[in-house]
Amino acid sequence: MDISAQEVAEWMLNELKSTGILYQSDAVRYIKSNYGEAFVYVNDNGNESISKEVKKAFKKLHGGKAAWERDGFFWGWT
C-alpha cells in the first residue's frame, strides 16, 4: 500500500487534535518509523524536518487554525 503525504498530514492533524500540541521532533520520529523516510528530509540547519508536501497538505487540512511556533518547534491551535 502506498502512503500519501495526505495520509501523513491527516495523522498530524489527528495528533494535534488529541494532544493540542505537536512537536516537530516527535512528529518526525513517528513519521519516519510509521510512514518511512520519504516524508522527512534534513533542512539547511541540519535538522530533520517534515517534507514540504506533507506540510502543505497539513496546512490545507487545518485551514489556518494551527500555528507553527518557531521558538518551540511545534504546532498549536491559534
Foldseek 3Di string as FASTA:
>chain_A
DADDLLNLLVVVVVVCVVPQKFAQVVSQVCCCVPPHPVQWDQDPVRHIGGDPSNVVSNCVVCVPQWDQDVVRRMIGGD
